[in-house]
Amino acid sequence: MYLKLSGAWQRLAPTMLIRSVIKDREAVRASLARAQAWDVERVVVCHGDVVEQGGREAVRNAFARF
């Protein structure tokens, strides 16, 4: 129920809670830029399904709001 209400149900995405507590969006953007440069194919998260293929694209889509 929490994941549905916070926008992270059945998809790779930061929850509403996580988005609401970020104070330094520029630092987040810089960290995401570094992470998106990695050659990532597989993403394992603590909620939801493992992204077996297309990890780089999935991460880019998940954090597009930033």
PDB file of N, CA and C in Angstrom:
ATOM      1  N   MET A   1       0.826  -1.179   0.000  1.00  0.00           N
ATOM      2  CA  MET A   1       0.000   0.000   0.000  1.00  0.00           C
ATOM      3  C   MET A   1       0.883   1.261   0.000  1.00  0.00           C
ATOM      4  N   TYR A   2       1.940   1.240   0.837  1.00  0.00           N
ATOM      5  CA  TYR A   2       2.835   2.397   0.903  1.00  0.00           C
ATOM      6  C   TYR A   2       3.459   2.694  -0.466  1.00  0.00           C
ATOM      7  N   LEU A   3       3.959   1.660  -1.127  1.00  0.00           N
ATOM      8  CA  LEU A   3       4.597   1.872  -2.421  1.00  0.00           C
ATOM      9  C   LEU A   3       3.611   2.385  -3.458  1.00  0.00           C
ATOM     10  N   LYS A   4       2.389   1.915  -3.423  1.00  0.00           N
ATOM     11  CA  LYS A   4       1.373   2.420  -4.354  1.00  0.00           C
ATOM     12  C   LYS A   4       1.116   3.900  -4.123  1.00  0.00           C
ATOM     13  N   LEU A   5       0.937   4.271  -2.864  1.00  0.00           N
ATOM     14  CA  LEU A   5       0.643   5.664  -2.544  1.00  0.00           C
ATOM     15  C   LEU A   5       1.827   6.593  -2.801  1.00  0.00           C
ATOM     16  N   SER A   6       3.027   6.064  -2.717  1.00  0.00           N
ATOM     17  CA  SER A   6       4.201   6.925  -2.856  1.00  0.00           C
ATOM     18  C   SER A   6       4.826   6.900  -4.247  1.00  0.00           C
ATOM     19  N   GLY A   7       4.174   6.237  -5.198  1.00  0.00           N
ATOM     20  CA  GLY A   7       4.625   6.283  -6.576  1.00  0.00           C
ATOM     21  C   GLY A   7       5.734   5.330  -6.960  1.00  0.00           C
ATOM     22  N   ALA A   8       5.955   4.291  -6.173  1.00  0.00           N
ATOM     23  CA  ALA A   8       7.036   3.358  -6.487  1.00  0.00           C
ATOM     24  C   ALA A   8       6.549   1.918  -6.636  1.00  0.00           C
ATOM     25  N   TRP A   9       5.267   1.734  -6.859  1.00  0.00           N
ATOM     26  CA  TRP A   9       4.721   0.385  -6.983  1.00  0.00           C
ATOM     27  C   TRP A   9       5.037  -0.188  -8.360  1.00  0.00           C
ATOM     28  N   GLN A  10       5.658  -1.340  -8.382  1.00  0.00           N
ATOM     29  CA  GLN A  10       5.993  -2.110  -9.578  1.00  0.00           C
ATOM     30  C   GLN A  10       6.813  -1.322 -10.593  1.00  0.00           C
ATOM     31  N   ARG A  11       7.666  -0.451 -10.101  1.00  0.00           N
ATOM     32  CA  ARG A  11       8.585   0.258 -10.992  1.00  0.00           C
ATOM     33  C   ARG A  11       9.768   0.759 -10.183  1.00  0.00           C
ATOM     34  N   LEU A  12      10.836   0.981 -10.849  1.00  0.00           N
ATOM     35  CA  LEU A  12      12.030   1.533 -10.211  1.00  0.00           C
ATOM     36  C   LEU A  12      11.831   3.036 -10.105  1.00  0.00           C
ATOM     37  N   ALA A  13      11.705   3.538  -8.875  1.00  0.00           N
ATOM     38  CA  ALA A  13      11.490   4.969  -8.654  1.00  0.00           C
ATOM     39  C   ALA A  13      11.710   5.304  -7.186  1.00  0.00           C
ATOM     40  N   PRO A  14      12.200   6.508  -6.912  1.00  0.00           N
ATOM     41  CA  PRO A  14      12.285   6.939  -5.514  1.00  0.00           C
ATOM     42  C   PRO A  14      10.874   7.223  -4.998  1.00  0.00           C
ATOM     43  N   THR A  15      10.649   6.941  -3.742  1.00  0.00           N
ATOM     44  CA  THR A  15       9.318   7.179  -3.169  1.00  0.00           C
ATOM     45  C   THR A  15       9.096   8.672  -2.938  1.00  0.00           C
ATOM     46  N   MET A  16       7.850   9.026  -2.718  1.00  0.00           N
ATOM     47  CA  MET A  16       7.510  10.406  -2.415  1.00  0.00           C
ATOM     48  C   MET A  16       8.248  10.889  -1.169  1.00  0.00           C
ATOM     49  N   LEU A  17       8.388  10.014  -0.188  1.00  0.00           N
ATOM     50  CA  LEU A  17       9.099  10.371   1.042  1.00  0.00           C
ATOM     51  C   LEU A  17      10.549  10.733   0.733  1.00  0.00           C
ATOM     52  N   ILE A  18      11.210   9.920  -0.041  1.00  0.00           N
ATOM     53  CA  ILE A  18      12.600  10.194  -0.409  1.00  0.00           C
ATOM     54  C   ILE A  18      12.695  11.517  -1.160  1.00  0.00           C
ATOM     55  N   ARG A  19      11.827  11.727  -2.129  1.00  0.00           N
ATOM     56  CA  ARG A  19      11.857  12.976  -2.889  1.00  0.00           C
ATOM     57  C   ARG A  19      11.612  14.190  -1.994  1.00  0.00           C
ATOM     58  N   SER A  20      10.774  14.034  -0.981  1.00  0.00           N
ATOM     59  CA  SER A  20      10.424  15.179  -0.137  1.00  0.00           C
ATOM     60  C   SER A  20      11.527  15.573   0.856  1.00  0.00           C
ATOM     61  N   VAL A  21      12.431  14.657   1.190  1.00  0.00           N
ATOM     62  CA  VAL A  21      13.473  14.978   2.172  1.00  0.00           C
ATOM     63  C   VAL A  21      14.794  15.417   1.536  1.00  0.00           C
ATOM     64  N   ILE A  22      14.883  15.408   0.233  1.00  0.00           N
ATOM     65  CA  ILE A  22      16.114  15.843  -0.434  1.00  0.00           C
ATOM     66  C   ILE A  22      16.211  17.356  -0.351  1.00  0.00           C
ATOM     67  N   LYS A  23      17.314  17.815   0.205  1.00  0.00           N
ATOM     68  CA  LYS A  23      17.517  19.261   0.378  1.00  0.00           C
ATOM     69  C   LYS A  23      18.442  19.835  -0.682  1.00  0.00           C
ATOM     70  N   ASP A  24      19.419  19.075  -1.098  1.00  0.00           N
ATOM     71  CA  ASP A  24      20.399  19.574  -2.064  1.00  0.00           C
ATOM     72  C   ASP A  24      20.219  18.838  -3.391  1.00  0.00           C
ATOM     73  N   ARG A  25      19.322  19.333  -4.198  1.00  0.00           N
ATOM     74  CA  ARG A  25      19.019  18.676  -5.475  1.00  0.00           C
ATOM     75  C   ARG A  25      20.210  18.688  -6.429  1.00  0.00           C
ATOM     76  N   GLU A  26      21.038  19.705  -6.356  1.00  0.00           N
ATOM     77  CA  GLU A  26      22.230  19.748  -7.212  1.00  0.00           C
ATOM     78  C   GLU A  26      23.186  18.614  -6.865  1.00  0.00           C
ATOM     79  N   ALA A  27      23.343  18.314  -5.590  1.00  0.00           N
ATOM     80  CA  ALA A  27      24.206  17.203  -5.177  1.00  0.00           C
ATOM     81  C   ALA A  27      23.622  15.878  -5.656  1.00  0.00           C
ATOM     82  N   VAL A  28      22.303  15.752  -5.591  1.00  0.00           N
ATOM     83  CA  VAL A  28      21.650  14.534  -6.083  1.00  0.00           C
ATOM     84  C   VAL A  28      21.874  14.403  -7.581  1.00  0.00           C
ATOM     85  N   ARG A  29      21.700  15.492  -8.308  1.00  0.00           N
ATOM     86  CA  ARG A  29      21.914  15.458  -9.768  1.00  0.00           C
ATOM     87  C   ARG A  29      23.346  15.067 -10.106  1.00  0.00           C
ATOM     88  N   ALA A  30      24.308  15.595  -9.361  1.00  0.00           N
ATOM     89  CA  ALA A  30      25.713  15.255  -9.609  1.00  0.00           C
ATOM     90  C   ALA A  30      25.969  13.772  -9.339  1.00  0.00           C
ATOM     91  N   SER A  31      25.412  13.258  -8.262  1.00  0.00           N
ATOM     92  CA  SER A  31      25.569  11.832  -7.937  1.00  0.00           C
ATOM     93  C   SER A  31      24.912  10.963  -9.001  1.00  0.00           C
ATOM     94  N   LEU A  32      23.732  11.352  -9.431  1.00  0.00           N
ATOM     95  CA  LEU A  32      23.031  10.586 -10.466  1.00  0.00           C
ATOM     96  C   LEU A  32      23.797  10.605 -11.784  1.00  0.00           C
ATOM     97  N   ALA A  33      24.401  11.741 -12.118  1.00  0.00           N
ATOM     98  CA  ALA A  33      25.189  11.828 -13.352  1.00  0.00           C
ATOM     99  C   ALA A  33      26.360  10.854 -13.313  1.00  0.00           C
ATOM    100  N   ARG A  34      27.020  10.774 -12.157  1.00  0.00           N
ATOM    101  CA  ARG A  34      28.127   9.810 -12.025  1.00  0.00           C
ATOM    102  C   ARG A  34      27.614   8.379 -12.132  1.00  0.00           C
ATOM    103  N   ALA A  35      26.512   8.091 -11.460  1.00  0.00           N
ATOM    104  CA  ALA A  35      25.964   6.726 -11.480  1.00  0.00           C
ATOM    105  C   ALA A  35      25.477   6.347 -12.875  1.00  0.00           C
ATOM    106  N   GLN A  36      24.928   7.302 -13.602  1.00  0.00           N
ATOM    107  CA  GLN A  36      24.418   7.000 -14.937  1.00  0.00           C
ATOM    108  C   GLN A  36      25.538   6.777 -15.945  1.00  0.00           C
ATOM    109  N   ALA A  37      26.747   7.152 -15.602  1.00  0.00           N
ATOM    110  CA  ALA A  37      27.891   6.891 -16.476  1.00  0.00           C
ATOM    111  C   ALA A  37      28.379   5.449 -16.352  1.00  0.00           C
ATOM    112  N   TRP A  38      27.963   4.756 -15.307  1.00  0.00           N
ATOM    113  CA  TRP A  38      28.365   3.363 -15.126  1.00  0.00           C
ATOM    114  C   TRP A  38      27.700   2.484 -16.174  1.00  0.00           C
ATOM    115  N   ASP A  39      28.381   1.423 -16.552  1.00  0.00           N
ATOM    116  CA  ASP A  39      27.834   0.466 -17.511  1.00  0.00           C
ATOM    117  C   ASP A  39      26.994  -0.554 -16.740  1.00  0.00           C
ATOM    118  N   VAL A  40      25.756  -0.173 -16.420  1.00  0.00           N
ATOM    119  CA  VAL A  40      24.876  -0.996 -15.588  1.00  0.00           C
ATOM    120  C   VAL A  40      23.853  -1.708 -16.455  1.00  0.00           C
ATOM    121  N   GLU A  41      23.758  -2.992 -16.288  1.00  0.00           N
ATOM    122  CA  GLU A  41      22.751  -3.768 -16.999  1.00  0.00           C
ATOM    123  C   GLU A  41      21.682  -4.262 -16.036  1.00  0.00           C
ATOM    124  N   ARG A  42      22.099  -4.629 -14.829  1.00  0.00           N
ATOM    125  CA  ARG A  42      21.190  -5.228 -13.840  1.00  0.00           C
ATOM    126  C   ARG A  42      21.101  -4.338 -12.608  1.00  0.00           C
ATOM    127  N   VAL A  43      19.868  -4.080 -12.143  1.00  0.00           N
ATOM    128  CA  VAL A  43      19.655  -3.251 -10.958  1.00  0.00           C
ATOM    129  C   VAL A  43      18.855  -4.061  -9.944  1.00  0.00           C
ATOM    130  N   VAL A  44      19.389  -4.176  -8.733  1.00  0.00           N
ATOM    131  CA  VAL A  44      18.716  -4.892  -7.648  1.00  0.00           C
ATOM    132  C   VAL A  44      18.333  -3.857  -6.595  1.00  0.00           C
ATOM    133  N   VAL A  45      17.052  -3.775  -6.304  1.00  0.00           N
ATOM    134  CA  VAL A  45      16.557  -2.803  -5.322  1.00  0.00           C
ATOM    135  C   VAL A  45      15.955  -3.544  -4.142  1.00  0.00           C
ATOM    136  N   CYS A  46      15.716  -2.814  -3.063  1.00  0.00           N
ATOM    137  CA  CYS A  46      15.171  -3.462  -1.870  1.00  0.00           C
ATOM    138  C   CYS A  46      13.650  -3.627  -1.942  1.00  0.00           C
ATOM    139  N   HIS A  47      13.019  -3.075  -2.957  1.00  0.00           N
ATOM    140  CA  HIS A  47      11.580  -3.274  -3.158  1.00  0.00           C
ATOM    141  C   HIS A  47      11.348  -3.510  -4.645  1.00  0.00           C
ATOM    142  N   GLY A  48      10.383  -4.310  -4.959  1.00  0.00           N
ATOM    143  CA  GLY A  48      10.057  -4.541  -6.369  1.00  0.00           C
ATOM    144  C   GLY A  48      10.934  -5.582  -7.019  1.00  0.00           C
ATOM    145  N   ASP A  49      10.802  -5.668  -8.321  1.00  0.00           N
ATOM    146  CA  ASP A  49      11.513  -6.666  -9.106  1.00  0.00           C
ATOM    147  C   ASP A  49      12.926  -6.211  -9.457  1.00  0.00           C
ATOM    148  N   VAL A  50      13.776  -7.189  -9.703  1.00  0.00           N
ATOM    149  CA  VAL A  50      15.123  -6.927 -10.187  1.00  0.00           C
ATOM    150  C   VAL A  50      15.009  -6.532 -11.656  1.00  0.00           C
ATOM    151  N   VAL A  51      15.720  -5.496 -12.054  1.00  0.00           N
ATOM    152  CA  VAL A  51      15.786  -5.102 -13.457  1.00  0.00           C
ATOM    153  C   VAL A  51      16.926  -5.904 -14.064  1.00  0.00           C
ATOM    154  N   GLU A  52      16.606  -6.897 -14.876  1.00  0.00           N
ATOM    155  CA  GLU A  52      17.617  -7.808 -15.422  1.00  0.00           C
ATOM    156  C   GLU A  52      18.343  -7.225 -16.630  1.00  0.00           C
ATOM    157  N   GLN A  53      17.667  -6.391 -17.404  1.00  0.00           N
ATOM    158  CA  GLN A  53      18.272  -5.810 -18.601  1.00  0.00           C
ATOM    159  C   GLN A  53      17.891  -4.342 -18.692  1.00  0.00           C
ATOM    160  N   GLY A  54      18.757  -3.560 -19.282  1.00  0.00           N
ATOM    161  CA  GLY A  54      18.461  -2.144 -19.470  1.00  0.00           C
ATOM    162  C   GLY A  54      18.535  -1.332 -18.197  1.00  0.00           C
ATOM    163  N   GLY A  55      19.444  -1.683 -17.321  1.00  0.00           N
ATOM    164  CA  GLY A  55      19.564  -1.010 -16.034  1.00  0.00           C
ATOM    165  C   GLY A  55      19.870   0.469 -16.143  1.00  0.00           C
ATOM    166  N   ARG A  56      20.753   0.833 -17.051  1.00  0.00           N
ATOM    167  CA  ARG A  56      21.109   2.248 -17.208  1.00  0.00           C
ATOM    168  C   ARG A  56      19.877   3.070 -17.581  1.00  0.00           C
ATOM    169  N   GLU A  57      19.109   2.596 -18.515  1.00  0.00           N
ATOM    170  CA  GLU A  57      17.878   3.278 -18.941  1.00  0.00           C
ATOM    171  C   GLU A  57      16.850   3.317 -17.809  1.00  0.00           C
ATOM    172  N   ALA A  58      16.728   2.226 -17.067  1.00  0.00           N
ATOM    173  CA  ALA A  58      15.776   2.178 -15.955  1.00  0.00           C
ATOM    174  C   ALA A  58      16.125   3.193 -14.873  1.00  0.00           C
ATOM    175  N   VAL A  59      17.415   3.323 -14.566  1.00  0.00           N
ATOM    176  CA  VAL A  59      17.841   4.288 -13.560  1.00  0.00           C
ATOM    177  C   VAL A  59      17.597   5.709 -14.067  1.00  0.00           C
ATOM    178  N   ARG A  60      17.904   5.958 -15.338  1.00  0.00           N
ATOM    179  CA  ARG A  60      17.674   7.289 -15.906  1.00  0.00           C
ATOM    180  C   ARG A  60      16.193   7.660 -15.837  1.00  0.00           C
ATOM    181  N   ASN A  61      15.326   6.721 -16.180  1.00  0.00           N
ATOM    182  CA  ASN A  61      13.880   6.971 -16.127  1.00  0.00           C
ATOM    183  C   ASN A  61      13.396   7.163 -14.693  1.00  0.00           C
ATOM    184  N   ALA A  62      13.930   6.383 -13.786  1.00  0.00           N
ATOM    185  CA  ALA A  62      13.473   6.451 -12.389  1.00  0.00           C
ATOM    186  C   ALA A  62      13.776   7.807 -11.758  1.00  0.00           C
ATOM    187  N   PHE A  63      14.888   8.397 -12.143  1.00  0.00           N
ATOM    188  CA  PHE A  63      15.310   9.646 -11.523  1.00  0.00           C
ATOM    189  C   PHE A  63      15.189  10.840 -12.471  1.00  0.00           C
ATOM    190  N   ALA A  64      14.352  10.724 -13.479  1.00  0.00           N
ATOM    191  CA  ALA A  64      14.193  11.812 -14.460  1.00  0.00           C
ATOM    192  C   ALA A  64      13.681  13.103 -13.827  1.00  0.00           C
ATOM    193  N   ARG A  65      12.939  13.017 -12.728  1.00  0.00           N
ATOM    194  CA  ARG A  65      12.399  14.212 -12.073  1.00  0.00           C
ATOM    195  C   ARG A  65      13.488  15.107 -11.501  1.00  0.00           C
ATOM    196  N   PHE A  66      14.643  14.531 -11.235  1.00  0.00           N
ATOM    197  CA  PHE A  66      15.733  15.305 -10.652  1.00  0.00           C
ATOM    198  C   PHE A  66      16.518  15.996 -11.730  1.00  0.00           C
TER     199      PHE A  66
END
